[in-house]
Amino acid sequence: WVDCDGKRGWLQRDHVVLASQAIKHFTDELSRNPKDDSALIARAIAWTRKGELTNAIWDCTEAIAINPNRVWAYKIRGNAWSEKHEYDLAIADYEVGIRLDPKENGCYFNRGLCHHANKNYDK
């Protein structure tokens, strides 16, 4: 049973990776398939949550090299840039995400937070 962001439901145990095991799990996945952009993005999320922002940025950059149309790679990389206070780099990633999927609300919201941090209140 999981409760995430107000969504509740059942998951199969073998479809879940504990946060404490996520980096190892996705690293193992990548050793089997180095071109798995989904595993790179998932590992980037785990790196971000661990505070290893440079590793998260690297994984997202690799995922983008494999598949430049993955909105989540830009969003997660933008989040890492933002946490490093590199707001202009974050904004650039969010703008690519918005161009790829104009309905990705998270990119708009996060871009707005970066503009606020840069004191660009009109944006």
Protein backbone atom coordinates (compact mmCIF):
# COMPACT_ATOMS: atom_id res chain seq x y z
CA TRP A 1 0.00 0.00 0.00
CA VAL A 2 1.41 3.41 -0.96
CA ASP A 3 0.28 6.96 -0.45
CA CYS A 4 2.14 9.43 -2.66
CA ASP A 5 1.05 12.99 -3.32
CA GLY A 6 -2.52 12.14 -2.38
CA LYS A 7 -2.65 9.11 -4.66
CA ARG A 8 -3.19 5.84 -2.86
CA GLY A 9 -3.03 2.32 -4.12
CA TRP A 10 -1.38 -1.06 -4.15
CA LEU A 11 1.88 -1.89 -5.87
CA GLN A 12 3.54 -5.21 -6.37
CA ARG A 13 6.56 -5.50 -4.09
CA ASP A 14 8.84 -6.45 -6.98
CA HIS A 15 7.92 -3.17 -8.73
CA VAL A 16 9.26 -1.04 -5.87
CA VAL A 17 12.83 0.03 -5.11
CA LEU A 18 13.60 1.44 -1.68
CA ALA A 19 15.25 4.86 -1.77
CA SER A 20 18.21 3.47 0.16
CA GLN A 21 18.77 0.89 -2.60
CA ALA A 22 17.89 3.00 -5.64
CA ILE A 23 21.37 4.07 -6.74
CA LYS A 24 22.71 0.52 -6.61
CA HIS A 25 19.59 -0.86 -8.31
CA PHE A 26 19.73 1.55 -11.24
CA THR A 27 23.51 1.26 -11.52
CA ASP A 28 23.03 -2.50 -11.87
CA GLU A 29 20.35 -1.87 -14.51
CA LEU A 30 22.76 0.39 -16.39
CA SER A 31 25.53 -2.19 -16.27
CA ARG A 32 23.18 -4.48 -18.19
CA ASN A 33 21.95 -1.75 -20.55
CA PRO A 34 24.08 1.44 -20.57
CA LYS A 35 21.66 3.12 -23.00
CA ASP A 36 18.63 2.85 -20.67
CA ASP A 37 17.65 6.50 -20.42
CA SER A 38 14.84 5.68 -17.97
CA ALA A 39 17.34 4.10 -15.55
CA LEU A 40 19.61 7.14 -15.89
CA ILE A 41 16.72 9.47 -15.06
CA ALA A 42 15.63 7.31 -12.12
CA ARG A 43 19.18 7.21 -10.78
CA ALA A 44 19.41 10.99 -11.22
CA ILE A 45 16.35 11.37 -9.02
CA ALA A 46 18.01 9.16 -6.40
CA TRP A 47 21.24 11.17 -6.63
CA THR A 48 19.26 14.40 -6.20
CA ARG A 49 17.51 13.12 -3.10
CA LYS A 50 20.88 12.12 -1.69
CA GLY A 51 22.26 15.61 -2.38
CA GLU A 52 24.69 14.39 -5.06
CA LEU A 53 23.67 17.05 -7.56
CA THR A 54 26.68 16.77 -9.87
CA ASN A 55 25.98 13.06 -10.34
CA ALA A 56 22.31 13.83 -11.02
CA ILE A 57 23.25 16.40 -13.66
CA TRP A 58 25.66 13.96 -15.28
CA ASP A 59 23.04 11.19 -15.45
CA CYS A 60 20.45 13.53 -16.95
CA THR A 61 22.97 14.79 -19.48
CA GLU A 62 23.68 11.18 -20.49
CA ALA A 63 19.94 10.46 -20.74
CA ILE A 64 19.48 13.52 -22.97
CA ALA A 65 22.35 12.36 -25.20
CA ILE A 66 20.53 9.04 -25.62
CA ASN A 67 17.07 10.52 -26.06
CA PRO A 68 16.89 14.32 -26.41
CA ASN A 69 13.09 14.25 -26.24
CA ARG A 70 12.78 13.04 -22.63
CA VAL A 71 11.12 15.93 -20.80
CA TRP A 72 11.85 14.41 -17.41
CA ALA A 73 15.60 14.47 -18.05
CA TYR A 74 15.44 18.24 -18.54
CA LYS A 75 13.12 18.69 -15.56
CA ILE A 76 15.26 16.64 -13.17
CA ARG A 77 18.47 18.27 -14.42
CA GLY A 78 16.83 21.68 -14.04
CA ASN A 79 15.92 20.77 -10.47
CA ALA A 80 19.54 19.84 -9.73
CA TRP A 81 20.81 23.08 -11.27
CA SER A 82 18.28 24.99 -9.21
CA GLU A 83 19.40 23.30 -6.00
CA LYS A 84 22.97 24.35 -6.90
CA HIS A 85 21.65 27.93 -7.31
CA GLU A 86 22.54 27.84 -11.01
CA TYR A 87 19.21 29.37 -11.91
CA ASP A 88 19.98 30.37 -15.49
CA LEU A 89 21.00 26.80 -16.33
CA ALA A 90 17.87 25.50 -14.62
CA ILE A 91 15.67 27.93 -16.54
CA ALA A 92 17.25 26.81 -19.81
CA ASP A 93 16.42 23.17 -19.02
CA TYR A 94 12.86 23.98 -17.97
CA GLU A 95 12.35 25.91 -21.20
CA VAL A 96 13.42 22.90 -23.25
CA GLY A 97 11.01 20.77 -21.21
CA ILE A 98 8.20 23.23 -21.89
CA ARG A 99 9.01 23.28 -25.61
CA LEU A 100 8.92 19.46 -25.71
CA ASP A 101 5.72 19.19 -23.67
CA PRO A 102 3.78 22.43 -23.13
CA LYS A 103 1.49 20.60 -20.67
CA GLU A 104 4.33 19.75 -18.24
CA ASN A 105 3.20 22.07 -15.45
CA GLY A 106 6.20 21.31 -13.24
CA CYS A 107 8.57 22.97 -15.69
CA TYR A 108 6.53 26.19 -15.65
CA PHE A 109 6.33 26.22 -11.86
CA ASN A 110 10.02 25.47 -11.34
CA ARG A 111 11.04 28.02 -13.97
CA GLY A 112 8.97 30.58 -12.09
CA LEU A 113 10.77 29.74 -8.85
CA CYS A 114 14.11 30.28 -10.60
CA HIS A 115 13.00 33.62 -12.01
CA HIS A 116 11.94 34.60 -8.49
CA ALA A 117 15.33 33.54 -7.09
CA ASN A 118 16.99 35.70 -9.80
CA LYS A 119 14.69 38.58 -8.76
CA ASN A 120 13.15 38.60 -12.25
CA TYR A 121 9.71 39.17 -10.76
CA ASP A 122 8.13 40.26 -14.04
CA LYS A 123 8.86 36.81 -15.53
